[in-house]
């Protein structure tokens, strides 16, 4: 399941919000960062697949 753009923006806001980050423990902060990185990587791979398909 892919995140919606709205969900991704929400995660980015969480990652950058110092008040919320203060309330989260390290594990939760790491999870949010990994979610964002994973999502961006999936987006990159999908774009690459799309470009390769168009080239073929």
C-alpha atoms as a PDB file:
ATOM      1  CA  UNK A   1       0.000   0.000   0.000  1.00  0.00           C
ATOM      2  CA  UNK A   2       1.363   3.363  -0.988  1.00  0.00           C
ATOM      3  CA  UNK A   3       1.084   6.403   1.189  1.00  0.00           C
ATOM      4  CA  UNK A   4      -1.013   9.222  -0.099  1.00  0.00           C
ATOM      5  CA  UNK A   5       0.642  12.582  -0.647  1.00  0.00           C
ATOM      6  CA  UNK A   6      -1.276  13.854   2.368  1.00  0.00           C
ATOM      7  CA  UNK A   7       0.072  11.048   4.559  1.00  0.00           C
ATOM      8  CA  UNK A   8       3.616  11.681   3.366  1.00  0.00           C
ATOM      9  CA  UNK A   9       3.296  15.379   4.148  1.00  0.00           C
ATOM     10  CA  UNK A  10       1.990  14.467   7.593  1.00  0.00           C
ATOM     11  CA  UNK A  11       5.026  12.253   8.208  1.00  0.00           C
ATOM     12  CA  UNK A  12       7.367  15.004   7.046  1.00  0.00           C
ATOM     13  CA  UNK A  13       5.673  17.460   9.402  1.00  0.00           C
ATOM     14  CA  UNK A  14       6.069  14.990  12.253  1.00  0.00           C
ATOM     15  CA  UNK A  15       9.731  14.513  11.426  1.00  0.00           C
ATOM     16  CA  UNK A  16      10.368  18.266  11.459  1.00  0.00           C
ATOM     17  CA  UNK A  17       8.128  19.265  14.369  1.00  0.00           C
ATOM     18  CA  UNK A  18      10.422  19.694  17.371  1.00  0.00           C
ATOM     19  CA  UNK A  19       7.539  19.723  19.869  1.00  0.00           C
ATOM     20  CA  UNK A  20       6.224  16.377  18.642  1.00  0.00           C
ATOM     21  CA  UNK A  21       9.697  14.872  18.297  1.00  0.00           C
ATOM     22  CA  UNK A  22      10.323  15.799  21.933  1.00  0.00           C
ATOM     23  CA  UNK A  23       7.303  13.699  22.932  1.00  0.00           C
ATOM     24  CA  UNK A  24       8.305  10.723  20.806  1.00  0.00           C
ATOM     25  CA  UNK A  25      10.974   8.297  21.835  1.00  0.00           C
ATOM     26  CA  UNK A  26      13.999   7.541  19.662  1.00  0.00           C
ATOM     27  CA  UNK A  27      12.458   4.382  18.229  1.00  0.00           C
ATOM     28  CA  UNK A  28       9.370   6.275  17.050  1.00  0.00           C
ATOM     29  CA  UNK A  29      11.475   9.016  15.471  1.00  0.00           C
ATOM     30  CA  UNK A  30      13.569   6.407  13.687  1.00  0.00           C
ATOM     31  CA  UNK A  31      10.425   4.705  12.437  1.00  0.00           C
ATOM     32  CA  UNK A  32       9.081   7.938  10.984  1.00  0.00           C
ATOM     33  CA  UNK A  33      12.395   8.622   9.236  1.00  0.00           C
ATOM     34  CA  UNK A  34      12.533   5.083   7.841  1.00  0.00           C
ATOM     35  CA  UNK A  35       8.948   5.333   6.607  1.00  0.00           C
ATOM     36  CA  UNK A  36       9.734   8.523   4.714  1.00  0.00           C
ATOM     37  CA  UNK A  37      12.963   7.107   3.247  1.00  0.00           C
ATOM     38  CA  UNK A  38      11.267   3.864   2.248  1.00  0.00           C
ATOM     39  CA  UNK A  39       8.408   5.692   0.625  1.00  0.00           C
ATOM     40  CA  UNK A  40      10.763   7.947  -1.326  1.00  0.00           C
ATOM     41  CA  UNK A  41      12.753   4.915  -2.471  1.00  0.00           C
ATOM     42  CA  UNK A  42       9.602   3.168  -3.679  1.00  0.00           C
ATOM     43  CA  UNK A  43       8.585   6.321  -5.549  1.00  0.00           C
ATOM     44  CA  UNK A  44      12.034   6.506  -7.146  1.00  0.00           C
ATOM     45  CA  UNK A  45      11.883   2.861  -8.222  1.00  0.00           C
ATOM     46  CA  UNK A  46       8.417   3.274  -9.690  1.00  0.00           C
ATOM     47  CA  UNK A  47       9.528   6.312 -11.646  1.00  0.00           C
ATOM     48  CA  UNK A  48      12.555   4.413 -12.918  1.00  0.00           C
ATOM     49  CA  UNK A  49      10.338   1.520 -14.015  1.00  0.00           C
ATOM     50  CA  UNK A  50       8.011   3.915 -15.778  1.00  0.00           C
ATOM     51  CA  UNK A  51      10.896   5.608 -17.596  1.00  0.00           C
ATOM     52  CA  UNK A  52      12.352   2.235 -18.632  1.00  0.00           C
ATOM     53  CA  UNK A  53       8.961   1.106 -19.898  1.00  0.00           C
ATOM     54  CA  UNK A  54       8.589   4.254 -21.973  1.00  0.00           C
ATOM     55  CA  UNK A  55      12.066   3.805 -23.439  1.00  0.00           C
ATOM     56  CA  UNK A  56      11.291   0.225 -24.489  1.00  0.00           C
END
